[in-house]
Amino acid sequence: MSQEAVDTSVNQSTGEQDSPVMVAGYADAPDITTFNKKKRLSLVAGVHVASYAGTLFILGQTWYKDFPKTSFHVFDDSKEWLQVDKVGHGWTAYNIAKYSGDLWQWAGVPHKKAVLLGGVSSLGYQTILEYFDAHSAEWGWSWADVGANVFGAGLYAGQELAWEEQRIQFKFSAHKINYHDGLTMRADKLYGESLPERLLKDYNGQTYWSSFNLKSFSANSKLPEWLNVAIGYGATGLFGGFKNIGYDKNGAVIFNRTDIKRQRQWYLSPDVDFTKIKTNKKAVRGLFSVLNMIKVPAPALEFSGGKLKGHFLFF
């Protein structure tokens, strides 16, 4: 969050300048003397509690419902899915921390405290989910997940405390893959059949991006403020966590495609920092803030399997 996004005001009774309130890069953050801070704090706290409780209830009734509960146990999944799922954990933790921090600042909490609250809120939420995993027979407590969560929340908090802005944004893109050669049933089982399920679950179609704002690192340059360069990571050939093998409940092999190579994919592509696009419309700024979670479709270079190839448009 840049210094330009700070809205200051003058206290009419004392002539002194009030402390700035910074909200998601908005230049018109409300003067702390014009709103009831307690009400906003209560509202933001309520939003956090309701969001966490609602999400956990839904997951308990859907995601965890069909699997037996167990005592606390640890599961090492650090080598699953070529770590695409771990990068996804980091992306989720980063964005929860970011928007949580923005809400606390909107409520009038000083910047540093709001950033720390955002980070703690994100880690708290992710840790509760990990606790659920630790008591499910299907999963377990994953230290790799915890590490990814800490990285994501730390990426947000570290930048805010150092620069008061997000010079490096954590973004996501996904596309649906049409499977063939007998892989459709396996993909449907692992990743679901609907488009929303595929976009959120299919690791073969997901890419996570570190998007660098060039102007932030070179203030004297004549580059557009909104121009970013993004480095992406994804994978292909994933039809099982560790191997492309599937088992039934009795441990018998029902799917075996170890002939399909599992490989990492790296990308380089231009991107847009929507929060750097100037507008006086609050609704547009709010939309831009949300859009900044997503990498825009753009030309890209891909390096995978020892080869370099280009994409006219990649998402």
C-alpha atoms as a PDB file:
ATOM      1  CA  MET A   1       0.000   0.000   0.000  1.00  0.00           C
ATOM      2  CA  SER A   2       1.621   3.209  -1.129  1.00  0.00           C
ATOM      3  CA  GLN A   3       1.902   6.464   0.714  1.00  0.00           C
ATOM      4  CA  GLU A   4      -0.256   8.009  -2.014  1.00  0.00           C
ATOM      5  CA  ALA A   5      -3.127   5.878  -0.728  1.00  0.00           C
ATOM      6  CA  VAL A   6      -3.185   7.673   2.610  1.00  0.00           C
ATOM      7  CA  ASP A   7      -6.054  10.010   3.330  1.00  0.00           C
ATOM      8  CA  THR A   8      -5.347  12.594   6.002  1.00  0.00           C
ATOM      9  CA  SER A   9      -7.638  15.128   7.595  1.00  0.00           C
ATOM     10  CA  VAL A  10      -7.412  18.077   9.931  1.00  0.00           C
ATOM     11  CA  ASN A  11      -9.141  18.080  13.277  1.00  0.00           C
ATOM     12  CA  GLN A  12     -11.226  21.251  13.227  1.00  0.00           C
ATOM     13  CA  SER A  13     -11.123  21.694  16.993  1.00  0.00           C
ATOM     14  CA  THR A  14      -7.353  21.427  17.427  1.00  0.00           C
ATOM     15  CA  GLY A  15      -6.010  22.254  13.976  1.00  0.00           C
ATOM     16  CA  GLU A  16      -3.903  19.100  14.149  1.00  0.00           C
ATOM     17  CA  GLN A  17      -3.772  16.454  11.491  1.00  0.00           C
ATOM     18  CA  ASP A  18      -5.502  13.185  12.355  1.00  0.00           C
ATOM     19  CA  SER A  19      -3.771   9.859  11.889  1.00  0.00           C
ATOM     20  CA  PRO A  20      -4.190   8.539   8.355  1.00  0.00           C
ATOM     21  CA  VAL A  21      -6.468   5.634   7.640  1.00  0.00           C
ATOM     22  CA  MET A  22      -5.443   3.393   4.737  1.00  0.00           C
ATOM     23  CA  VAL A  23      -7.904   1.077   3.090  1.00  0.00           C
ATOM     24  CA  ALA A  24      -6.977  -1.275   0.251  1.00  0.00           C
ATOM     25  CA  GLY A  25      -5.113   1.407  -1.661  1.00  0.00           C
ATOM     26  CA  TYR A  26      -8.074   3.761  -1.634  1.00  0.00           C
ATOM     27  CA  ALA A  27      -7.341   7.468  -1.569  1.00  0.00           C
ATOM     28  CA  ASP A  28     -10.672   8.337   0.040  1.00  0.00           C
ATOM     29  CA  ALA A  29     -10.464   6.303   3.212  1.00  0.00           C
ATOM     30  CA  PRO A  30     -12.914   7.758   5.754  1.00  0.00           C
ATOM     31  CA  ASP A  31     -11.656  10.204   8.350  1.00  0.00           C
ATOM     32  CA  ILE A  32     -11.452   8.372  11.654  1.00  0.00           C
ATOM     33  CA  THR A  33     -13.219  11.303  13.343  1.00  0.00           C
ATOM     34  CA  THR A  34     -16.315  10.870  11.164  1.00  0.00           C
ATOM     35  CA  PHE A  35     -17.320   7.337  11.962  1.00  0.00           C
ATOM     36  CA  ASN A  36     -18.010   5.275  15.033  1.00  0.00           C
ATOM     37  CA  LYS A  37     -14.839   3.282  15.396  1.00  0.00           C
ATOM     38  CA  LYS A  38     -16.358   0.827  17.849  1.00  0.00           C
ATOM     39  CA  LYS A  39     -19.141  -0.061  15.431  1.00  0.00           C
ATOM     40  CA  ARG A  40     -16.695  -0.669  12.612  1.00  0.00           C
ATOM     41  CA  LEU A  41     -14.461  -2.775  14.824  1.00  0.00           C
ATOM     42  CA  SER A  42     -17.463  -4.822  15.925  1.00  0.00           C
ATOM     43  CA  LEU A  43     -18.581  -5.210  12.332  1.00  0.00           C
ATOM     44  CA  VAL A  44     -15.169  -6.348  11.087  1.00  0.00           C
ATOM     45  CA  ALA A  45     -14.756  -8.744  14.014  1.00  0.00           C
ATOM     46  CA  GLY A  46     -18.222 -10.125  13.295  1.00  0.00           C
ATOM     47  CA  VAL A  47     -17.407 -10.582   9.619  1.00  0.00           C
ATOM     48  CA  HIS A  48     -14.295 -12.561  10.531  1.00  0.00           C
ATOM     49  CA  VAL A  49     -16.104 -14.787  13.025  1.00  0.00           C
ATOM     50  CA  ALA A  50     -19.085 -15.389  10.732  1.00  0.00           C
ATOM     51  CA  SER A  51     -16.856 -16.130   7.738  1.00  0.00           C
ATOM     52  CA  TYR A  52     -14.708 -18.576   9.661  1.00  0.00           C
ATOM     53  CA  ALA A  53     -17.629 -20.302  11.386  1.00  0.00           C
ATOM     54  CA  GLY A  54     -19.660 -20.518   8.183  1.00  0.00           C
ATOM     55  CA  THR A  55     -16.792 -21.921   6.152  1.00  0.00           C
ATOM     56  CA  LEU A  56     -15.906 -24.488   8.798  1.00  0.00           C
ATOM     57  CA  PHE A  57     -19.542 -25.578   9.125  1.00  0.00           C
ATOM     58  CA  ILE A  58     -19.882 -26.033   5.353  1.00  0.00           C
ATOM     59  CA  LEU A  59     -16.617 -27.978   5.146  1.00  0.00           C
ATOM     60  CA  GLY A  60     -17.674 -30.131   8.073  1.00  0.00           C
ATOM     61  CA  GLN A  61     -20.916 -31.019   6.306  1.00  0.00           C
ATOM     62  CA  THR A  62     -19.359 -31.592   2.888  1.00  0.00           C
ATOM     63  CA  TRP A  63     -15.581 -31.983   2.666  1.00  0.00           C
ATOM     64  CA  TYR A  64     -15.020 -33.975   5.883  1.00  0.00           C
ATOM     65  CA  LYS A  65     -18.421 -35.598   6.327  1.00  0.00           C
ATOM     66  CA  ASP A  66     -17.760 -38.784   4.364  1.00  0.00           C
ATOM     67  CA  PHE A  67     -14.429 -39.622   5.997  1.00  0.00           C
ATOM     68  CA  PRO A  68     -13.950 -41.288   9.400  1.00  0.00           C
ATOM     69  CA  LYS A  69     -12.649 -39.129  12.233  1.00  0.00           C
ATOM     70  CA  THR A  70      -9.416 -40.168  13.928  1.00  0.00           C
ATOM     71  CA  SER A  71      -7.117 -39.027  16.684  1.00  0.00           C
ATOM     72  CA  PHE A  72      -4.589 -36.314  15.864  1.00  0.00           C
ATOM     73  CA  HIS A  73      -2.017 -37.568  13.377  1.00  0.00           C
ATOM     74  CA  VAL A  74       0.612 -36.144  11.027  1.00  0.00           C
ATOM     75  CA  PHE A  75       0.794 -36.826   7.288  1.00  0.00           C
ATOM     76  CA  ASP A  76       3.788 -35.928   5.116  1.00  0.00           C
ATOM     77  CA  ASP A  77       2.307 -34.707   1.844  1.00  0.00           C
ATOM     78  CA  SER A  78       5.220 -32.443   0.961  1.00  0.00           C
ATOM     79  CA  LYS A  79       5.902 -34.370  -2.261  1.00  0.00           C
ATOM     80  CA  GLU A  80       2.307 -34.592  -3.467  1.00  0.00           C
ATOM     81  CA  TRP A  81       1.068 -32.953  -6.682  1.00  0.00           C
ATOM     82  CA  LEU A  82       4.565 -31.584  -7.416  1.00  0.00           C
ATOM     83  CA  GLN A  83       3.828 -29.013  -4.674  1.00  0.00           C
ATOM     84  CA  VAL A  84       1.177 -27.189  -6.724  1.00  0.00           C
ATOM     85  CA  ASP A  85      -1.232 -27.652  -3.803  1.00  0.00           C
ATOM     86  CA  LYS A  86       1.314 -26.098  -1.451  1.00  0.00           C
ATOM     87  CA  VAL A  87       1.642 -23.029  -3.638  1.00  0.00           C
ATOM     88  CA  GLY A  88      -2.155 -22.873  -3.541  1.00  0.00           C
ATOM     89  CA  HIS A  89      -2.027 -22.839   0.253  1.00  0.00           C
ATOM     90  CA  GLY A  90       0.366 -19.897   0.091  1.00  0.00           C
ATOM     91  CA  TRP A  91      -1.883 -18.019  -2.349  1.00  0.00           C
ATOM     92  CA  THR A  92      -4.922 -18.533  -0.115  1.00  0.00           C
ATOM     93  CA  ALA A  93      -3.077 -17.426   3.029  1.00  0.00           C
ATOM     94  CA  TYR A  94      -1.688 -14.356   1.241  1.00  0.00           C
ATOM     95  CA  ASN A  95      -5.062 -13.148   0.024  1.00  0.00           C
ATOM     96  CA  ILE A  96      -6.899 -13.835   3.277  1.00  0.00           C
ATOM     97  CA  ALA A  97      -4.211 -11.864   5.117  1.00  0.00           C
ATOM     98  CA  LYS A  98      -4.385  -9.019   2.602  1.00  0.00           C
ATOM     99  CA  TYR A  99      -8.140  -8.524   2.668  1.00  0.00           C
ATOM    100  CA  SER A 100      -8.340  -9.117   6.399  1.00  0.00           C
ATOM    101  CA  GLY A 101      -5.685  -6.443   6.925  1.00  0.00           C
ATOM    102  CA  ASP A 102      -7.606  -4.067   4.655  1.00  0.00           C
ATOM    103  CA  LEU A 103     -10.771  -4.594   6.707  1.00  0.00           C
ATOM    104  CA  TRP A 104      -8.994  -3.892   9.991  1.00  0.00           C
ATOM    105  CA  GLN A 105      -7.558  -0.684   8.536  1.00  0.00           C
ATOM    106  CA  TRP A 106     -11.039   0.327   7.356  1.00  0.00           C
ATOM    107  CA  ALA A 107     -12.141  -0.103  10.970  1.00  0.00           C
ATOM    108  CA  GLY A 108      -9.547   2.443  12.076  1.00  0.00           C
ATOM    109  CA  VAL A 109      -6.852   0.100  13.361  1.00  0.00           C
ATOM    110  CA  PRO A 110      -3.357   1.615  12.874  1.00  0.00           C
ATOM    111  CA  HIS A 111      -1.525   0.281   9.849  1.00  0.00           C
ATOM    112  CA  LYS A 112       1.071  -1.886  11.581  1.00  0.00           C
ATOM    113  CA  LYS A 113      -1.458  -3.467  13.942  1.00  0.00           C
ATOM    114  CA  ALA A 114      -3.910  -4.037  11.076  1.00  0.00           C
ATOM    115  CA  VAL A 115      -1.211  -5.805   9.059  1.00  0.00           C
ATOM    116  CA  LEU A 116      -0.367  -8.062  11.994  1.00  0.00           C
ATOM    117  CA  LEU A 117      -4.050  -8.762  12.626  1.00  0.00           C
ATOM    118  CA  GLY A 118      -4.473  -9.654   8.964  1.00  0.00           C
ATOM    119  CA  GLY A 119      -1.583 -12.095   9.096  1.00  0.00           C
ATOM    120  CA  VAL A 120      -2.739 -13.651  12.363  1.00  0.00           C
ATOM    121  CA  SER A 121      -6.332 -13.911  11.100  1.00  0.00           C
ATOM    122  CA  SER A 122      -5.157 -15.739   8.002  1.00  0.00           C
ATOM    123  CA  LEU A 123      -2.914 -18.145   9.879  1.00  0.00           C
ATOM    124  CA  GLY A 124      -5.611 -18.761  12.482  1.00  0.00           C
ATOM    125  CA  TYR A 125      -8.130 -19.694   9.830  1.00  0.00           C
ATOM    126  CA  GLN A 126      -5.725 -21.931   7.933  1.00  0.00           C
ATOM    127  CA  THR A 127      -4.564 -23.614  11.147  1.00  0.00           C
ATOM    128  CA  ILE A 128      -8.146 -24.499  12.078  1.00  0.00           C
ATOM    129  CA  LEU A 129      -8.534 -26.193   8.693  1.00  0.00           C
ATOM    130  CA  GLU A 130      -5.283 -28.042   9.293  1.00  0.00           C
ATOM    131  CA  TYR A 131      -6.645 -29.198  12.661  1.00  0.00           C
ATOM    132  CA  PHE A 132      -9.676 -30.662  10.858  1.00  0.00           C
ATOM    133  CA  ASP A 133      -7.308 -32.466   8.491  1.00  0.00           C
ATOM    134  CA  ALA A 134      -5.356 -33.820  11.449  1.00  0.00           C
ATOM    135  CA  HIS A 135      -8.493 -35.552  12.735  1.00  0.00           C
ATOM    136  CA  SER A 136      -9.594 -36.984   9.380  1.00  0.00           C
ATOM    137  CA  ALA A 137      -8.610 -40.474   8.209  1.00  0.00           C
ATOM    138  CA  GLU A 138      -8.247 -39.177   4.667  1.00  0.00           C
ATOM    139  CA  TRP A 139      -5.644 -36.532   5.494  1.00  0.00           C
ATOM    140  CA  GLY A 140      -3.546 -35.455   8.469  1.00  0.00           C
ATOM    141  CA  TRP A 141      -1.677 -32.519   9.944  1.00  0.00           C
ATOM    142  CA  SER A 142       0.752 -31.349   7.277  1.00  0.00           C
ATOM    143  CA  TRP A 143       3.790 -29.321   8.267  1.00  0.00           C
ATOM    144  CA  ALA A 144       4.284 -28.559   4.578  1.00  0.00           C
ATOM    145  CA  ASP A 145       0.829 -26.945   4.499  1.00  0.00           C
ATOM    146  CA  VAL A 146       1.651 -24.953   7.618  1.00  0.00           C
ATOM    147  CA  GLY A 147       4.897 -23.747   6.078  1.00  0.00           C
ATOM    148  CA  ALA A 148       3.104 -22.668   2.912  1.00  0.00           C
ATOM    149  CA  ASN A 149       0.485 -20.814   4.978  1.00  0.00           C
ATOM    150  CA  VAL A 150       3.186 -18.969   6.918  1.00  0.00           C
ATOM    151  CA  PHE A 151       4.938 -18.042   3.676  1.00  0.00           C
ATOM    152  CA  GLY A 152       1.750 -16.620   2.135  1.00  0.00           C
ATOM    153  CA  ALA A 153       0.740 -14.565   5.160  1.00  0.00           C
ATOM    154  CA  GLY A 154       4.357 -13.490   5.642  1.00  0.00           C
ATOM    155  CA  LEU A 155       4.648 -12.318   2.036  1.00  0.00           C
ATOM    156  CA  TYR A 156       1.763  -9.923   2.626  1.00  0.00           C
ATOM    157  CA  ALA A 157       2.847  -8.742   6.071  1.00  0.00           C
ATOM    158  CA  GLY A 158       6.524  -8.394   5.193  1.00  0.00           C
ATOM    159  CA  GLN A 159       5.830  -6.125   2.230  1.00  0.00           C
ATOM    160  CA  GLU A 160       3.372  -3.956   4.133  1.00  0.00           C
ATOM    161  CA  LEU A 161       5.774  -3.490   7.030  1.00  0.00           C
ATOM    162  CA  ALA A 162       8.737  -2.811   4.721  1.00  0.00           C
ATOM    163  CA  TRP A 163       7.149  -0.791   1.911  1.00  0.00           C
ATOM    164  CA  GLU A 164       3.516  -0.133   2.919  1.00  0.00           C
ATOM    165  CA  GLU A 165       2.447  -1.597  -0.420  1.00  0.00           C
ATOM    166  CA  GLN A 166       2.352  -4.919  -2.265  1.00  0.00           C
ATOM    167  CA  ARG A 167       5.129  -4.722  -4.813  1.00  0.00           C
ATOM    168  CA  ILE A 168       4.967  -8.481  -5.360  1.00  0.00           C
ATOM    169  CA  GLN A 169       1.452  -9.835  -5.682  1.00  0.00           C
ATOM    170  CA  PHE A 170       0.478 -13.483  -5.405  1.00  0.00           C
ATOM    171  CA  LYS A 171      -1.917 -14.316  -8.249  1.00  0.00           C
ATOM    172  CA  PHE A 172      -3.810 -17.249  -9.708  1.00  0.00           C
ATOM    173  CA  SER A 173      -5.002 -18.390 -13.118  1.00  0.00           C
ATOM    174  CA  ALA A 174      -6.668 -21.565 -14.344  1.00  0.00           C
ATOM    175  CA  HIS A 175      -8.107 -23.118 -17.472  1.00  0.00           C
ATOM    176  CA  LYS A 176     -10.186 -26.217 -18.106  1.00  0.00           C
ATOM    177  CA  ILE A 177      -8.438 -29.172 -19.685  1.00  0.00           C
ATOM    178  CA  ASN A 178     -10.339 -31.530 -21.982  1.00  0.00           C
ATOM    179  CA  TYR A 179      -9.014 -35.010 -21.162  1.00  0.00           C
ATOM    180  CA  HIS A 180      -8.892 -37.966 -23.527  1.00  0.00           C
ATOM    181  CA  ASP A 181      -7.132 -41.353 -23.861  1.00  0.00           C
ATOM    182  CA  GLY A 182      -9.256 -42.839 -21.092  1.00  0.00           C
ATOM    183  CA  LEU A 183      -8.333 -40.117 -18.589  1.00  0.00           C
ATOM    184  CA  THR A 184     -11.763 -38.503 -18.364  1.00  0.00           C
ATOM    185  CA  MET A 185     -13.115 -40.811 -15.646  1.00  0.00           C
ATOM    186  CA  ARG A 186      -9.956 -40.400 -13.567  1.00  0.00           C
ATOM    187  CA  ALA A 187     -10.044 -36.604 -13.917  1.00  0.00           C
ATOM    188  CA  ASP A 188     -13.745 -36.518 -13.004  1.00  0.00           C
ATOM    189  CA  LYS A 189     -13.046 -38.564  -9.874  1.00  0.00           C
ATOM    190  CA  LEU A 190     -10.100 -36.437  -8.769  1.00  0.00           C
ATOM    191  CA  TYR A 191     -11.135 -32.973  -9.896  1.00  0.00           C
ATOM    192  CA  GLY A 192     -14.920 -33.042 -10.365  1.00  0.00           C
ATOM    193  CA  GLU A 193     -16.993 -32.641 -13.504  1.00  0.00           C
ATOM    194  CA  SER A 194     -18.287 -29.050 -13.396  1.00  0.00           C
ATOM    195  CA  LEU A 195     -16.290 -26.059 -14.597  1.00  0.00           C
ATOM    196  CA  PRO A 196     -16.048 -24.422 -11.110  1.00  0.00           C
ATOM    197  CA  GLU A 197     -14.780 -27.690  -9.614  1.00  0.00           C
ATOM    198  CA  ARG A 198     -12.205 -28.139 -12.338  1.00  0.00           C
ATOM    199  CA  LEU A 199     -10.890 -24.580 -12.038  1.00  0.00           C
ATOM    200  CA  LEU A 200     -10.487 -24.921  -8.263  1.00  0.00           C
ATOM    201  CA  LYS A 201      -9.307 -28.535  -8.032  1.00  0.00           C
ATOM    202  CA  ASP A 202      -7.513 -29.525 -11.231  1.00  0.00           C
ATOM    203  CA  TYR A 203      -3.817 -28.986 -10.550  1.00  0.00           C
ATOM    204  CA  ASN A 204      -3.026 -29.676 -14.210  1.00  0.00           C
ATOM    205  CA  GLY A 205      -4.848 -26.493 -15.208  1.00  0.00           C
ATOM    206  CA  GLN A 206      -3.733 -24.183 -12.406  1.00  0.00           C
ATOM    207  CA  THR A 207      -0.894 -21.667 -12.438  1.00  0.00           C
ATOM    208  CA  TYR A 208       0.270 -19.517  -9.533  1.00  0.00           C
ATOM    209  CA  TRP A 209       2.123 -16.284 -10.189  1.00  0.00           C
ATOM    210  CA  SER A 210       4.517 -13.947  -8.426  1.00  0.00           C
ATOM    211  CA  SER A 211       3.658 -10.652 -10.109  1.00  0.00           C
ATOM    212  CA  PHE A 212       6.266  -7.877  -9.760  1.00  0.00           C
ATOM    213  CA  ASN A 213       5.285  -4.229 -10.182  1.00  0.00           C
ATOM    214  CA  LEU A 214       8.159  -2.725 -12.176  1.00  0.00           C
ATOM    215  CA  LYS A 215       7.511   0.918 -11.310  1.00  0.00           C
ATOM    216  CA  SER A 216       7.641   0.151  -7.579  1.00  0.00           C
ATOM    217  CA  PHE A 217      11.172  -1.180  -7.952  1.00  0.00           C
ATOM    218  CA  SER A 218      12.262   1.595 -10.327  1.00  0.00           C
ATOM    219  CA  ALA A 219      10.514   4.770  -9.240  1.00  0.00           C
ATOM    220  CA  ASN A 220      12.406   7.026 -11.666  1.00  0.00           C
ATOM    221  CA  SER A 221      11.559   4.977 -14.738  1.00  0.00           C
ATOM    222  CA  LYS A 222       8.941   6.035 -17.274  1.00  0.00           C
ATOM    223  CA  LEU A 223       7.201   2.678 -17.176  1.00  0.00           C
ATOM    224  CA  PRO A 224       3.421   2.635 -16.663  1.00  0.00           C
ATOM    225  CA  GLU A 225       2.528   2.338 -12.976  1.00  0.00           C
ATOM    226  CA  TRP A 226       0.241  -0.620 -13.669  1.00  0.00           C
ATOM    227  CA  LEU A 227       2.776  -2.738 -15.588  1.00  0.00           C
ATOM    228  CA  ASN A 228       3.872  -5.968 -13.924  1.00  0.00           C
ATOM    229  CA  VAL A 229       6.024  -8.922 -14.936  1.00  0.00           C
ATOM    230  CA  ALA A 230       4.872 -12.273 -13.567  1.00  0.00           C
ATOM    231  CA  ILE A 231       6.683 -15.559 -12.972  1.00  0.00           C
ATOM    232  CA  GLY A 232       4.307 -18.511 -12.958  1.00  0.00           C
ATOM    233  CA  TYR A 233       4.451 -22.088 -11.683  1.00  0.00           C
ATOM    234  CA  GLY A 234       2.268 -25.035 -12.613  1.00  0.00           C
ATOM    235  CA  ALA A 235       2.477 -28.726 -13.474  1.00  0.00           C
ATOM    236  CA  THR A 236       1.078 -31.283 -15.876  1.00  0.00           C
ATOM    237  CA  GLY A 237       0.531 -35.040 -15.949  1.00  0.00           C
ATOM    238  CA  LEU A 238      -0.907 -35.209 -12.422  1.00  0.00           C
ATOM    239  CA  PHE A 239      -3.403 -38.052 -11.923  1.00  0.00           C
ATOM    240  CA  GLY A 240      -2.544 -38.938  -8.349  1.00  0.00           C
ATOM    241  CA  GLY A 241      -0.929 -37.310  -5.344  1.00  0.00           C
ATOM    242  CA  PHE A 242       2.450 -39.056  -5.432  1.00  0.00           C
ATOM    243  CA  LYS A 243       2.112 -41.265  -8.518  1.00  0.00           C
ATOM    244  CA  ASN A 244      -0.369 -41.701 -11.331  1.00  0.00           C
ATOM    245  CA  ILE A 245      -1.861 -44.738  -9.644  1.00  0.00           C
ATOM    246  CA  GLY A 246      -5.337 -45.118  -8.123  1.00  0.00           C
ATOM    247  CA  TYR A 247      -6.609 -47.679  -5.621  1.00  0.00           C
ATOM    248  CA  ASP A 248     -10.020 -48.874  -4.473  1.00  0.00           C
ATOM    249  CA  LYS A 249     -11.044 -49.149  -0.815  1.00  0.00           C
ATOM    250  CA  ASN A 250      -9.442 -52.585  -0.583  1.00  0.00           C
ATOM    251  CA  GLY A 251      -6.091 -51.381  -1.898  1.00  0.00           C
ATOM    252  CA  ALA A 252      -6.426 -52.921  -5.352  1.00  0.00           C
ATOM    253  CA  VAL A 253      -5.024 -50.903  -8.257  1.00  0.00           C
ATOM    254  CA  ILE A 254      -7.846 -49.544 -10.433  1.00  0.00           C
ATOM    255  CA  PHE A 255      -5.863 -46.913 -12.342  1.00  0.00           C
ATOM    256  CA  ASN A 256      -2.271 -47.059 -13.502  1.00  0.00           C
ATOM    257  CA  ARG A 257      -0.835 -44.479 -15.894  1.00  0.00           C
ATOM    258  CA  THR A 258       2.744 -44.250 -14.749  1.00  0.00           C
ATOM    259  CA  ASP A 259       3.589 -43.876 -18.436  1.00  0.00           C
ATOM    260  CA  ILE A 260       2.358 -40.269 -18.243  1.00  0.00           C
ATOM    261  CA  LYS A 261       5.219 -37.971 -17.293  1.00  0.00           C
ATOM    262  CA  ARG A 262       4.643 -35.647 -14.351  1.00  0.00           C
ATOM    263  CA  GLN A 263       6.523 -32.412 -14.920  1.00  0.00           C
ATOM    264  CA  ARG A 264       6.802 -28.864 -13.642  1.00  0.00           C
ATOM    265  CA  GLN A 265       6.024 -25.826 -15.787  1.00  0.00           C
ATOM    266  CA  TRP A 266       7.506 -22.339 -15.426  1.00  0.00           C
ATOM    267  CA  TYR A 267       6.131 -19.227 -17.111  1.00  0.00           C
ATOM    268  CA  LEU A 268       7.097 -15.626 -17.800  1.00  0.00           C
ATOM    269  CA  SER A 269       4.363 -13.186 -18.772  1.00  0.00           C
ATOM    270  CA  PRO A 270       3.345  -9.505 -18.577  1.00  0.00           C
ATOM    271  CA  ASP A 271       0.639  -8.638 -16.080  1.00  0.00           C
ATOM    272  CA  VAL A 272      -1.447  -5.748 -14.750  1.00  0.00           C
ATOM    273  CA  ASP A 273      -1.583  -4.279 -11.244  1.00  0.00           C
ATOM    274  CA  PHE A 274      -5.175  -3.088 -11.225  1.00  0.00           C
ATOM    275  CA  THR A 275      -4.706  -1.107  -8.006  1.00  0.00           C
ATOM    276  CA  LYS A 276      -2.331   1.216  -9.878  1.00  0.00           C
ATOM    277  CA  ILE A 277      -5.013   2.234 -12.359  1.00  0.00           C
ATOM    278  CA  LYS A 278      -6.400   5.569 -11.198  1.00  0.00           C
ATOM    279  CA  THR A 279     -10.160   6.002 -10.860  1.00  0.00           C
ATOM    280  CA  ASN A 280     -12.456   8.095  -8.685  1.00  0.00           C
ATOM    281  CA  LYS A 281     -15.211   5.487  -8.565  1.00  0.00           C
ATOM    282  CA  LYS A 282     -15.300   3.493  -5.331  1.00  0.00           C
ATOM    283  CA  ALA A 283     -17.031   0.516  -6.927  1.00  0.00           C
ATOM    284  CA  VAL A 284     -14.387   0.311  -9.639  1.00  0.00           C
ATOM    285  CA  ARG A 285     -11.575   0.506  -7.094  1.00  0.00           C
ATOM    286  CA  GLY A 286     -13.207  -2.272  -5.104  1.00  0.00           C
ATOM    287  CA  LEU A 287     -13.500  -4.388  -8.247  1.00  0.00           C
ATOM    288  CA  PHE A 288      -9.861  -3.701  -9.141  1.00  0.00           C
ATOM    289  CA  SER A 289      -8.765  -4.806  -5.675  1.00  0.00           C
ATOM    290  CA  VAL A 290     -10.546  -8.149  -6.100  1.00  0.00           C
ATOM    291  CA  LEU A 291      -9.312  -8.605  -9.672  1.00  0.00           C
ATOM    292  CA  ASN A 292      -5.744  -8.274  -8.442  1.00  0.00           C
ATOM    293  CA  MET A 293      -5.975 -11.852  -7.129  1.00  0.00           C
ATOM    294  CA  ILE A 294      -6.135 -13.052 -10.733  1.00  0.00           C
ATOM    295  CA  LYS A 295      -3.418 -13.043 -13.384  1.00  0.00           C
ATOM    296  CA  VAL A 296      -4.742 -11.467 -16.574  1.00  0.00           C
ATOM    297  CA  PRO A 297      -4.633 -13.561 -19.770  1.00  0.00           C
ATOM    298  CA  ALA A 298      -1.566 -12.520 -21.742  1.00  0.00           C
ATOM    299  CA  PRO A 299       1.210 -13.883 -23.975  1.00  0.00           C
ATOM    300  CA  ALA A 300       3.599 -16.124 -22.064  1.00  0.00           C
ATOM    301  CA  LEU A 301       6.818 -18.075 -22.391  1.00  0.00           C
ATOM    302  CA  GLU A 302       6.741 -21.586 -20.936  1.00  0.00           C
ATOM    303  CA  PHE A 303       9.738 -23.654 -19.857  1.00  0.00           C
ATOM    304  CA  SER A 304       9.032 -27.313 -19.163  1.00  0.00           C
ATOM    305  CA  GLY A 305      10.638 -30.632 -19.922  1.00  0.00           C
ATOM    306  CA  GLY A 306      13.828 -28.863 -20.899  1.00  0.00           C
ATOM    307  CA  LYS A 307      12.057 -27.004 -23.721  1.00  0.00           C
ATOM    308  CA  LEU A 308      10.960 -23.411 -24.247  1.00  0.00           C
ATOM    309  CA  LYS A 309       7.743 -22.564 -26.051  1.00  0.00           C
ATOM    310  CA  GLY A 310       5.465 -19.569 -26.425  1.00  0.00           C
ATOM    311  CA  HIS A 311       1.739 -19.035 -25.897  1.00  0.00           C
ATOM    312  CA  PHE A 312      -0.082 -16.312 -27.779  1.00  0.00           C
ATOM    313  CA  LEU A 313      -2.558 -16.086 -24.891  1.00  0.00           C
ATOM    314  CA  PHE A 314      -2.204 -18.018 -21.633  1.00  0.00           C
ATOM    315  CA  PHE A 315      -4.472 -18.174 -18.625  1.00  0.00           C
END
